[in-house]
Amino acid sequence: MHNETENHYTLSDLIDILGVARRTLLKYIKQGKLRAFKLGNQWRVTEAELNKFKEKNSNY
């Protein structure tokens, strides 16, 4: 279960934040590099997971 008060980012948000293509984000999710969940038909990433990803991938 996800914390209701935690910020969630859509793929569109992450495209702007990380400067990568949608296809690249989907590849990261599929490979398990970026943990995400579906809310309806949209992928979401929590702020905590985004921060973990950024720590492991210093070029972001």
Protein backbone atom coordinates (compact mmCIF):
# COMPACT_ATOMS: atom_id res chain seq x y z
CA MET A 1 0.00 0.00 0.00
CA HIS A 2 1.22 3.47 -0.83
CA ASN A 3 1.23 6.37 1.58
CA GLU A 4 -1.59 8.71 0.55
CA THR A 5 0.36 11.82 1.62
CA GLU A 6 3.51 10.94 -0.33
CA ASN A 7 4.06 12.67 -3.66
CA HIS A 8 3.54 10.53 -6.75
CA TYR A 9 4.96 11.32 -10.16
CA THR A 10 3.54 10.36 -13.53
CA LEU A 11 5.75 9.35 -16.44
CA SER A 12 5.18 12.81 -17.93
CA ASP A 13 6.52 14.35 -14.71
CA LEU A 14 9.55 12.05 -14.80
CA ILE A 15 10.30 12.89 -18.43
CA ASP A 16 10.72 16.53 -17.34
CA ILE A 17 12.56 15.73 -14.09
CA LEU A 18 15.01 13.17 -15.49
CA GLY A 19 15.20 14.38 -19.09
CA VAL A 20 14.69 10.93 -20.61
CA ALA A 21 12.22 9.52 -23.10
CA ARG A 22 9.04 7.68 -22.12
CA ARG A 23 10.41 4.51 -23.70
CA THR A 24 13.51 4.76 -21.48
CA LEU A 25 11.38 5.13 -18.34
CA LEU A 26 9.31 2.09 -19.29
CA LYS A 27 12.53 0.13 -19.83
CA TYR A 28 13.79 1.14 -16.36
CA ILE A 29 10.47 0.03 -14.82
CA LYS A 30 10.52 -3.30 -16.67
CA GLN A 31 14.15 -3.93 -15.66
CA GLY A 32 13.36 -3.10 -12.04
CA LYS A 33 15.70 -0.12 -11.97
CA LEU A 34 12.80 2.21 -11.15
CA ARG A 35 10.00 0.88 -8.93
CA ALA A 36 6.58 2.02 -10.09
CA PHE A 37 2.94 1.09 -9.68
CA LYS A 38 -0.16 1.53 -11.78
CA LEU A 39 -2.94 3.83 -10.69
CA GLY A 40 -5.74 3.20 -13.13
CA ASN A 41 -3.95 3.02 -16.46
CA GLN A 42 -1.06 5.34 -15.54
CA TRP A 43 2.31 4.45 -14.10
CA ARG A 44 3.23 6.31 -10.90
CA VAL A 45 6.49 6.58 -9.00
CA THR A 46 6.70 7.70 -5.40
CA GLU A 47 9.05 10.48 -4.37
CA ALA A 48 11.00 8.00 -2.23
CA GLU A 49 11.52 5.64 -5.19
CA LEU A 50 12.55 8.53 -7.42
CA ASN A 51 15.12 9.62 -4.83
CA LYS A 52 16.47 6.05 -4.56
CA PHE A 53 16.78 5.89 -8.35
CA LYS A 54 18.59 9.23 -8.46
CA GLU A 55 21.02 8.13 -5.72
CA LYS A 56 21.90 4.93 -7.59
CA ASN A 57 22.19 6.75 -10.92
CA SER A 58 24.26 9.83 -10.19
CA ASN A 59 23.88 11.21 -13.73
CA TYR A 60 20.26 12.18 -12.88
